């Protein structure tokens, strides 16, 4: 459902199963209230200069915050959103219609089905920000899934994945291990309180061409709520002996502490 934001006139929060999944201000698509969304926007800004056309696939749509951001900062970009919840998409289009000639196309299919149907070397960036309620679906965490992601990316393409977990991060470490098998370099951005084990929260993993650790670290440290970045040997130590999920043993991400919540 779409819930009017209590602080910003004309803005809405997309709430699914009690979890706030998107913030959308149709009058200001550059306003990114969720901190992890800003971290993914940092990746978009690293993929290409402002104004340059890019091709993006978004796995998970909700309010389409990031597609709107790309459309505003890089007009004429071609974007495909894979969002299986057709009823939610219809409500978003009714209450928060997309800009005319936005270049955003929404397909009512799940990520695995939609990506498998795409040609090789199709896009510059894949953004994976998909949830079933408050949990990342198991089929978007596996070695086979990231092989499909790599297939549809150009040789210098980039993937950015939003995960949620809590210490000791057994789930997230296995997902990142699967990403690191397929892509290099890999950068992990995580809230300090989450990294210290004080709270359940977001971990944004970026890998491939635009996973430029110094650039992303500068942006993360300058944020209102700074994130910590792990890369190189520090990230390898964090992954440790964890092995990638496969389609045979995958699990959805852990549920948040205390039930449904908002990742802001």
C-alpha atoms as a PDB file:
ATOM      1  CA  UNK A   1       0.000   0.000   0.000  1.00  0.00           C
ATOM      2  CA  UNK A   2       0.993   3.622  -0.469  1.00  0.00           C
ATOM      3  CA  UNK A   3       1.111   5.675   2.732  1.00  0.00           C
ATOM      4  CA  UNK A   4       1.461   9.481   2.679  1.00  0.00           C
ATOM      5  CA  UNK A   5       4.750  10.469   4.288  1.00  0.00           C
ATOM      6  CA  UNK A   6       4.221  12.248   7.575  1.00  0.00           C
ATOM      7  CA  UNK A   7       7.013  14.802   6.982  1.00  0.00           C
ATOM      8  CA  UNK A   8       7.145  15.536   3.246  1.00  0.00           C
ATOM      9  CA  UNK A   9       4.042  16.898   1.520  1.00  0.00           C
ATOM     10  CA  UNK A  10       3.161  14.943  -1.617  1.00  0.00           C
ATOM     11  CA  UNK A  11       5.592  12.109  -0.849  1.00  0.00           C
ATOM     12  CA  UNK A  12       4.635   8.512  -0.151  1.00  0.00           C
ATOM     13  CA  UNK A  13       6.083   5.431   1.476  1.00  0.00           C
ATOM     14  CA  UNK A  14       5.448   2.045  -0.129  1.00  0.00           C
ATOM     15  CA  UNK A  15       4.565  -0.398   2.650  1.00  0.00           C
ATOM     16  CA  UNK A  16       4.316  -4.138   1.995  1.00  0.00           C
ATOM     17  CA  UNK A  17       3.432  -6.599   4.780  1.00  0.00           C
ATOM     18  CA  UNK A  18       4.226  -3.950   7.360  1.00  0.00           C
ATOM     19  CA  UNK A  19       7.663  -3.162   5.915  1.00  0.00           C
ATOM     20  CA  UNK A  20       8.494   0.236   4.408  1.00  0.00           C
ATOM     21  CA  UNK A  21      10.123  -0.603   1.077  1.00  0.00           C
ATOM     22  CA  UNK A  22      10.320   2.694  -0.796  1.00  0.00           C
ATOM     23  CA  UNK A  23      10.113   6.435  -0.291  1.00  0.00           C
ATOM     24  CA  UNK A  24       8.999   8.457  -3.315  1.00  0.00           C
ATOM     25  CA  UNK A  25       8.822  12.230  -3.657  1.00  0.00           C
ATOM     26  CA  UNK A  26       7.431  12.776  -7.170  1.00  0.00           C
ATOM     27  CA  UNK A  27       8.387  16.453  -7.036  1.00  0.00           C
ATOM     28  CA  UNK A  28      12.012  15.678  -6.170  1.00  0.00           C
ATOM     29  CA  UNK A  29      13.273  12.320  -7.498  1.00  0.00           C
ATOM     30  CA  UNK A  30      16.733  13.152  -6.128  1.00  0.00           C
ATOM     31  CA  UNK A  31      15.419  13.030  -2.570  1.00  0.00           C
ATOM     32  CA  UNK A  32      16.474   9.618  -1.299  1.00  0.00           C
ATOM     33  CA  UNK A  33      15.299   9.204   2.280  1.00  0.00           C
ATOM     34  CA  UNK A  34      16.474   5.632   2.802  1.00  0.00           C
ATOM     35  CA  UNK A  35      20.205   5.597   3.476  1.00  0.00           C
ATOM     36  CA  UNK A  36      20.855   2.341   1.639  1.00  0.00           C
ATOM     37  CA  UNK A  37      19.135   3.762  -1.459  1.00  0.00           C
ATOM     38  CA  UNK A  38      21.608   6.654  -1.406  1.00  0.00           C
ATOM     39  CA  UNK A  39      24.445   4.112  -1.346  1.00  0.00           C
ATOM     40  CA  UNK A  40      23.051   2.523  -4.522  1.00  0.00           C
ATOM     41  CA  UNK A  41      22.665   5.997  -6.044  1.00  0.00           C
ATOM     42  CA  UNK A  42      26.376   6.469  -5.333  1.00  0.00           C
ATOM     43  CA  UNK A  43      26.991   3.409  -7.485  1.00  0.00           C
ATOM     44  CA  UNK A  44      24.808   4.793 -10.278  1.00  0.00           C
ATOM     45  CA  UNK A  45      26.801   8.023 -10.165  1.00  0.00           C
ATOM     46  CA  UNK A  46      30.006   5.999 -10.434  1.00  0.00           C
ATOM     47  CA  UNK A  47      28.786   3.935 -13.386  1.00  0.00           C
ATOM     48  CA  UNK A  48      28.430   6.998 -15.617  1.00  0.00           C
ATOM     49  CA  UNK A  49      28.627  10.812 -15.411  1.00  0.00           C
ATOM     50  CA  UNK A  50      25.416  12.739 -14.931  1.00  0.00           C
ATOM     51  CA  UNK A  51      23.587  13.157 -18.219  1.00  0.00           C
ATOM     52  CA  UNK A  52      25.106  10.078 -19.841  1.00  0.00           C
ATOM     53  CA  UNK A  53      22.663   7.454 -21.092  1.00  0.00           C
ATOM     54  CA  UNK A  54      22.923   4.046 -19.421  1.00  0.00           C
ATOM     55  CA  UNK A  55      20.987   0.798 -19.595  1.00  0.00           C
ATOM     56  CA  UNK A  56      19.761  -0.527 -16.248  1.00  0.00           C
ATOM     57  CA  UNK A  57      17.819  -3.566 -15.064  1.00  0.00           C
ATOM     58  CA  UNK A  58      16.149  -3.226 -11.657  1.00  0.00           C
ATOM     59  CA  UNK A  59      15.208  -6.472  -9.917  1.00  0.00           C
ATOM     60  CA  UNK A  60      12.445  -5.299  -7.608  1.00  0.00           C
ATOM     61  CA  UNK A  61      10.427  -2.147  -8.206  1.00  0.00           C
ATOM     62  CA  UNK A  62       8.152  -1.092  -5.326  1.00  0.00           C
ATOM     63  CA  UNK A  63       7.794   2.700  -5.731  1.00  0.00           C
ATOM     64  CA  UNK A  64      10.544   2.761  -8.395  1.00  0.00           C
ATOM     65  CA  UNK A  65      12.641   5.260  -6.463  1.00  0.00           C
ATOM     66  CA  UNK A  66      15.915   4.408  -8.175  1.00  0.00           C
ATOM     67  CA  UNK A  67      14.461   4.205 -11.708  1.00  0.00           C
ATOM     68  CA  UNK A  68      13.099   7.724 -11.131  1.00  0.00           C
ATOM     69  CA  UNK A  69      16.539   8.827  -9.948  1.00  0.00           C
ATOM     70  CA  UNK A  70      18.199   7.444 -13.083  1.00  0.00           C
ATOM     71  CA  UNK A  71      15.557   9.053 -15.293  1.00  0.00           C
ATOM     72  CA  UNK A  72      16.141  12.450 -13.645  1.00  0.00           C
ATOM     73  CA  UNK A  73      19.941  12.347 -13.659  1.00  0.00           C
ATOM     74  CA  UNK A  74      20.539  10.447 -16.890  1.00  0.00           C
ATOM     75  CA  UNK A  75      17.658  11.210 -19.278  1.00  0.00           C
ATOM     76  CA  UNK A  76      17.060   8.858 -22.198  1.00  0.00           C
ATOM     77  CA  UNK A  77      18.427   5.925 -20.209  1.00  0.00           C
ATOM     78  CA  UNK A  78      16.756   2.595 -20.966  1.00  0.00           C
ATOM     79  CA  UNK A  79      15.454   0.907 -17.825  1.00  0.00           C
ATOM     80  CA  UNK A  80      13.603  -2.324 -17.204  1.00  0.00           C
ATOM     81  CA  UNK A  81      12.023  -3.033 -13.825  1.00  0.00           C
ATOM     82  CA  UNK A  82      11.251  -6.652 -12.927  1.00  0.00           C
ATOM     83  CA  UNK A  83       8.439  -6.457 -10.364  1.00  0.00           C
ATOM     84  CA  UNK A  84       6.110  -9.453  -9.958  1.00  0.00           C
ATOM     85  CA  UNK A  85       3.563  -7.588  -7.813  1.00  0.00           C
ATOM     86  CA  UNK A  86       1.366  -6.252 -10.617  1.00  0.00           C
ATOM     87  CA  UNK A  87      -1.217  -4.856  -8.176  1.00  0.00           C
ATOM     88  CA  UNK A  88       1.429  -2.785  -6.418  1.00  0.00           C
ATOM     89  CA  UNK A  89       2.762  -1.488  -9.726  1.00  0.00           C
ATOM     90  CA  UNK A  90      -0.759  -0.495 -10.774  1.00  0.00           C
ATOM     91  CA  UNK A  91      -1.272   1.416  -7.528  1.00  0.00           C
ATOM     92  CA  UNK A  92       2.092   3.158  -7.871  1.00  0.00           C
ATOM     93  CA  UNK A  93       1.294   4.177 -11.436  1.00  0.00           C
ATOM     94  CA  UNK A  94      -2.083   5.534 -10.330  1.00  0.00           C
ATOM     95  CA  UNK A  95      -0.915   7.526  -7.302  1.00  0.00           C
ATOM     96  CA  UNK A  96       2.673   8.281  -8.330  1.00  0.00           C
ATOM     97  CA  UNK A  97       2.723   8.143 -12.131  1.00  0.00           C
ATOM     98  CA  UNK A  98       6.095   7.928 -13.828  1.00  0.00           C
ATOM     99  CA  UNK A  99       7.311  10.978 -15.772  1.00  0.00           C
ATOM    100  CA  UNK A 100       6.420  11.069 -19.445  1.00  0.00           C
ATOM    101  CA  UNK A 101       9.096   9.538 -21.673  1.00  0.00           C
ATOM    102  CA  UNK A 102      10.901   8.246 -18.600  1.00  0.00           C
ATOM    103  CA  UNK A 103      12.314   5.243 -20.448  1.00  0.00           C
ATOM    104  CA  UNK A 104      11.140   3.000 -17.578  1.00  0.00           C
ATOM    105  CA  UNK A 105       9.418  -0.239 -18.572  1.00  0.00           C
ATOM    106  CA  UNK A 106       7.916  -2.481 -15.890  1.00  0.00           C
ATOM    107  CA  UNK A 107       7.527  -6.211 -16.446  1.00  0.00           C
ATOM    108  CA  UNK A 108       5.301  -8.202 -14.106  1.00  0.00           C
ATOM    109  CA  UNK A 109       7.716 -11.095 -13.650  1.00  0.00           C
ATOM    110  CA  UNK A 110      10.054 -12.251 -10.920  1.00  0.00           C
ATOM    111  CA  UNK A 111      13.765 -11.536 -11.179  1.00  0.00           C
ATOM    112  CA  UNK A 112      14.896 -15.003 -12.234  1.00  0.00           C
ATOM    113  CA  UNK A 113      12.284 -15.296 -14.977  1.00  0.00           C
ATOM    114  CA  UNK A 114      12.826 -11.774 -16.270  1.00  0.00           C
ATOM    115  CA  UNK A 115      16.608 -11.875 -16.302  1.00  0.00           C
ATOM    116  CA  UNK A 116      16.788 -15.291 -17.947  1.00  0.00           C
ATOM    117  CA  UNK A 117      14.771 -13.933 -20.877  1.00  0.00           C
ATOM    118  CA  UNK A 118      17.233 -11.101 -21.536  1.00  0.00           C
ATOM    119  CA  UNK A 119      20.051 -11.275 -24.088  1.00  0.00           C
ATOM    120  CA  UNK A 120      23.705 -11.456 -23.098  1.00  0.00           C
ATOM    121  CA  UNK A 121      25.629  -8.203 -22.505  1.00  0.00           C
ATOM    122  CA  UNK A 122      22.338  -6.321 -22.376  1.00  0.00           C
ATOM    123  CA  UNK A 123      22.930  -3.712 -19.672  1.00  0.00           C
ATOM    124  CA  UNK A 124      25.488  -1.591 -17.844  1.00  0.00           C
ATOM    125  CA  UNK A 125      24.012  -2.035 -14.374  1.00  0.00           C
ATOM    126  CA  UNK A 126      21.832  -4.521 -12.522  1.00  0.00           C
ATOM    127  CA  UNK A 127      20.303  -3.321  -9.250  1.00  0.00           C
ATOM    128  CA  UNK A 128      18.941  -6.103  -7.031  1.00  0.00           C
ATOM    129  CA  UNK A 129      16.645  -4.639  -4.379  1.00  0.00           C
ATOM    130  CA  UNK A 130      13.899  -7.211  -4.091  1.00  0.00           C
ATOM    131  CA  UNK A 131      11.947  -8.408  -1.085  1.00  0.00           C
ATOM    132  CA  UNK A 132       9.136 -10.804  -0.342  1.00  0.00           C
ATOM    133  CA  UNK A 133       7.715  -8.935   2.629  1.00  0.00           C
ATOM    134  CA  UNK A 134      10.821  -8.141   4.673  1.00  0.00           C
ATOM    135  CA  UNK A 135      13.067 -10.912   3.334  1.00  0.00           C
ATOM    136  CA  UNK A 136      15.293 -11.242   0.272  1.00  0.00           C
ATOM    137  CA  UNK A 137      13.993 -14.184  -1.791  1.00  0.00           C
ATOM    138  CA  UNK A 138      16.223 -17.252  -1.701  1.00  0.00           C
ATOM    139  CA  UNK A 139      16.453 -17.558  -5.488  1.00  0.00           C
ATOM    140  CA  UNK A 140      18.141 -14.128  -5.693  1.00  0.00           C
ATOM    141  CA  UNK A 141      21.064 -15.157  -3.499  1.00  0.00           C
ATOM    142  CA  UNK A 142      22.650 -18.110  -5.300  1.00  0.00           C
ATOM    143  CA  UNK A 143      25.692 -18.923  -7.405  1.00  0.00           C
ATOM    144  CA  UNK A 144      23.395 -19.694 -10.356  1.00  0.00           C
ATOM    145  CA  UNK A 145      21.571 -16.395  -9.988  1.00  0.00           C
ATOM    146  CA  UNK A 146      24.770 -14.358 -10.068  1.00  0.00           C
ATOM    147  CA  UNK A 147      25.875 -16.282 -13.143  1.00  0.00           C
ATOM    148  CA  UNK A 148      22.717 -14.989 -14.858  1.00  0.00           C
ATOM    149  CA  UNK A 149      23.441 -11.463 -13.634  1.00  0.00           C
ATOM    150  CA  UNK A 150      26.958 -11.671 -15.078  1.00  0.00           C
ATOM    151  CA  UNK A 151      25.592 -12.955 -18.381  1.00  0.00           C
ATOM    152  CA  UNK A 152      23.305  -9.960 -18.974  1.00  0.00           C
ATOM    153  CA  UNK A 153      25.927  -7.379 -18.002  1.00  0.00           C
ATOM    154  CA  UNK A 154      28.385  -5.849 -20.433  1.00  0.00           C
ATOM    155  CA  UNK A 155      32.051  -6.767 -19.837  1.00  0.00           C
ATOM    156  CA  UNK A 156      32.507  -3.623 -17.692  1.00  0.00           C
ATOM    157  CA  UNK A 157      29.064  -3.894 -16.150  1.00  0.00           C
ATOM    158  CA  UNK A 158      28.224  -3.524 -12.476  1.00  0.00           C
ATOM    159  CA  UNK A 159      25.832  -5.203 -10.054  1.00  0.00           C
ATOM    160  CA  UNK A 160      24.609  -3.624  -6.821  1.00  0.00           C
ATOM    161  CA  UNK A 161      22.698  -5.773  -4.334  1.00  0.00           C
ATOM    162  CA  UNK A 162      20.782  -4.724  -1.226  1.00  0.00           C
ATOM    163  CA  UNK A 163      20.882  -7.344   1.530  1.00  0.00           C
ATOM    164  CA  UNK A 164      19.529  -7.347   5.077  1.00  0.00           C
ATOM    165  CA  UNK A 165      21.007  -9.322   7.936  1.00  0.00           C
ATOM    166  CA  UNK A 166      22.409  -9.136  11.451  1.00  0.00           C
ATOM    167  CA  UNK A 167      25.549 -10.363  13.192  1.00  0.00           C
ATOM    168  CA  UNK A 168      27.136 -12.832  12.736  1.00  0.00           C
ATOM    169  CA  UNK A 169      25.967 -12.340   9.113  1.00  0.00           C
ATOM    170  CA  UNK A 170      25.924 -16.009   8.181  1.00  0.00           C
ATOM    171  CA  UNK A 171      23.419 -15.342   5.409  1.00  0.00           C
ATOM    172  CA  UNK A 172      25.024 -12.203   3.980  1.00  0.00           C
ATOM    173  CA  UNK A 173      28.516 -13.711   4.015  1.00  0.00           C
ATOM    174  CA  UNK A 174      27.314 -16.594   1.864  1.00  0.00           C
ATOM    175  CA  UNK A 175      25.631 -14.231  -0.600  1.00  0.00           C
ATOM    176  CA  UNK A 176      28.760 -12.073  -0.843  1.00  0.00           C
ATOM    177  CA  UNK A 177      30.857 -15.208  -1.322  1.00  0.00           C
ATOM    178  CA  UNK A 178      28.702 -16.035  -4.347  1.00  0.00           C
ATOM    179  CA  UNK A 179      29.127 -12.542  -5.764  1.00  0.00           C
ATOM    180  CA  UNK A 180      32.905 -12.673  -5.259  1.00  0.00           C
ATOM    181  CA  UNK A 181      33.083 -15.977  -7.186  1.00  0.00           C
ATOM    182  CA  UNK A 182      31.738 -14.256 -10.283  1.00  0.00           C
ATOM    183  CA  UNK A 183      32.782 -10.578 -10.045  1.00  0.00           C
ATOM    184  CA  UNK A 184      35.791  -8.449  -9.158  1.00  0.00           C
ATOM    185  CA  UNK A 185      36.327  -6.125  -7.475  1.00  0.00           C
ATOM    186  CA  UNK A 186      33.700  -6.322  -4.713  1.00  0.00           C
ATOM    187  CA  UNK A 187      32.832  -3.578  -2.212  1.00  0.00           C
ATOM    188  CA  UNK A 188      30.538  -3.944   0.795  1.00  0.00           C
ATOM    189  CA  UNK A 189      28.871  -0.884   2.366  1.00  0.00           C
ATOM    190  CA  UNK A 190      27.263  -1.410   5.772  1.00  0.00           C
ATOM    191  CA  UNK A 191      25.922   0.755   8.569  1.00  0.00           C
ATOM    192  CA  UNK A 192      28.445   0.911  11.452  1.00  0.00           C
ATOM    193  CA  UNK A 193      25.838  -0.125  14.042  1.00  0.00           C
ATOM    194  CA  UNK A 194      24.900  -3.109  11.903  1.00  0.00           C
ATOM    195  CA  UNK A 195      28.541  -4.085  11.346  1.00  0.00           C
ATOM    196  CA  UNK A 196      29.161  -3.942  15.112  1.00  0.00           C
ATOM    197  CA  UNK A 197      26.221  -6.269  15.705  1.00  0.00           C
ATOM    198  CA  UNK A 198      24.040  -3.660  17.419  1.00  0.00           C
ATOM    199  CA  UNK A 199      21.146  -3.815  14.994  1.00  0.00           C
ATOM    200  CA  UNK A 200      19.568  -5.547  12.021  1.00  0.00           C
ATOM    201  CA  UNK A 201      20.197  -3.528   8.876  1.00  0.00           C
ATOM    202  CA  UNK A 202      21.197  -3.109   5.265  1.00  0.00           C
ATOM    203  CA  UNK A 203      24.346  -4.250   3.506  1.00  0.00           C
ATOM    204  CA  UNK A 204      24.889  -2.977  -0.039  1.00  0.00           C
ATOM    205  CA  UNK A 205      27.233  -5.099  -2.142  1.00  0.00           C
ATOM    206  CA  UNK A 206      28.643  -3.626  -5.356  1.00  0.00           C
ATOM    207  CA  UNK A 207      30.757  -5.625  -7.777  1.00  0.00           C
ATOM    208  CA  UNK A 208      32.225  -5.247 -11.229  1.00  0.00           C
ATOM    209  CA  UNK A 209      33.246  -2.223 -13.237  1.00  0.00           C
ATOM    210  CA  UNK A 210      32.012   0.593 -10.974  1.00  0.00           C
ATOM    211  CA  UNK A 211      33.005  -1.050  -7.686  1.00  0.00           C
ATOM    212  CA  UNK A 212      35.570   1.682  -7.110  1.00  0.00           C
ATOM    213  CA  UNK A 213      36.290   1.474  -3.381  1.00  0.00           C
ATOM    214  CA  UNK A 214      37.948   4.910  -2.922  1.00  0.00           C
ATOM    215  CA  UNK A 215      35.129   6.745  -4.713  1.00  0.00           C
ATOM    216  CA  UNK A 216      32.361   4.884  -2.936  1.00  0.00           C
ATOM    217  CA  UNK A 217      34.111   5.285   0.419  1.00  0.00           C
ATOM    218  CA  UNK A 218      34.394   9.056   0.005  1.00  0.00           C
ATOM    219  CA  UNK A 219      30.695   9.268  -0.717  1.00  0.00           C
ATOM    220  CA  UNK A 220      29.742   6.936   2.133  1.00  0.00           C
ATOM    221  CA  UNK A 221      31.807   8.878   4.668  1.00  0.00           C
ATOM    222  CA  UNK A 222      30.307  12.179   3.550  1.00  0.00           C
ATOM    223  CA  UNK A 223      26.754  10.935   4.060  1.00  0.00           C
ATOM    224  CA  UNK A 224      24.510  12.211   6.831  1.00  0.00           C
ATOM    225  CA  UNK A 225      24.639   8.711   8.309  1.00  0.00           C
ATOM    226  CA  UNK A 226      28.049   7.373   7.205  1.00  0.00           C
ATOM    227  CA  UNK A 227      28.508   3.775   6.123  1.00  0.00           C
ATOM    228  CA  UNK A 228      31.603   1.599   6.573  1.00  0.00           C
ATOM    229  CA  UNK A 229      33.142   0.049   3.467  1.00  0.00           C
ATOM    230  CA  UNK A 230      34.954  -3.266   3.230  1.00  0.00           C
ATOM    231  CA  UNK A 231      36.936  -4.337   0.170  1.00  0.00           C
ATOM    232  CA  UNK A 232      40.032  -6.295  -0.793  1.00  0.00           C
ATOM    233  CA  UNK A 233      41.653  -8.361   1.948  1.00  0.00           C
ATOM    234  CA  UNK A 234      39.366  -6.910   4.637  1.00  0.00           C
ATOM    235  CA  UNK A 235      36.317  -8.171   2.756  1.00  0.00           C
ATOM    236  CA  UNK A 236      37.955 -11.559   2.160  1.00  0.00           C
ATOM    237  CA  UNK A 237      38.517 -11.901   5.898  1.00  0.00           C
ATOM    238  CA  UNK A 238      34.907 -10.908   6.546  1.00  0.00           C
ATOM    239  CA  UNK A 239      33.642 -13.619   4.150  1.00  0.00           C
ATOM    240  CA  UNK A 240      35.959 -16.137   5.788  1.00  0.00           C
ATOM    241  CA  UNK A 241      35.160 -19.774   5.035  1.00  0.00           C
ATOM    242  CA  UNK A 242      31.551 -19.141   4.031  1.00  0.00           C
ATOM    243  CA  UNK A 243      30.534 -20.772   0.765  1.00  0.00           C
ATOM    244  CA  UNK A 244      28.127 -19.477  -1.827  1.00  0.00           C
ATOM    245  CA  UNK A 245      24.495 -20.514  -1.721  1.00  0.00           C
ATOM    246  CA  UNK A 246      23.336 -22.750  -4.561  1.00  0.00           C
ATOM    247  CA  UNK A 247      19.854 -23.305  -5.899  1.00  0.00           C
ATOM    248  CA  UNK A 248      19.781 -26.518  -3.839  1.00  0.00           C
ATOM    249  CA  UNK A 249      20.467 -25.000  -0.406  1.00  0.00           C
ATOM    250  CA  UNK A 250      19.440 -21.331  -0.694  1.00  0.00           C
ATOM    251  CA  UNK A 251      17.463 -19.609   2.047  1.00  0.00           C
ATOM    252  CA  UNK A 252      15.682 -16.260   2.232  1.00  0.00           C
ATOM    253  CA  UNK A 253      17.376 -13.603   4.335  1.00  0.00           C
ATOM    254  CA  UNK A 254      16.599 -13.540   8.071  1.00  0.00           C
ATOM    255  CA  UNK A 255      13.483 -11.757   9.246  1.00  0.00           C
ATOM    256  CA  UNK A 256      14.094  -8.422  11.014  1.00  0.00           C
ATOM    257  CA  UNK A 257      14.207  -8.337  14.779  1.00  0.00           C
ATOM    258  CA  UNK A 258      10.777  -7.637  16.204  1.00  0.00           C
ATOM    259  CA  UNK A 259       8.958  -8.382  12.954  1.00  0.00           C
ATOM    260  CA  UNK A 260       8.246  -5.965  10.093  1.00  0.00           C
ATOM    261  CA  UNK A 261      10.206  -2.734  10.093  1.00  0.00           C
ATOM    262  CA  UNK A 262      11.592   0.005   7.883  1.00  0.00           C
ATOM    263  CA  UNK A 263      15.143   0.047   6.572  1.00  0.00           C
ATOM    264  CA  UNK A 264      15.869   3.754   6.603  1.00  0.00           C
END
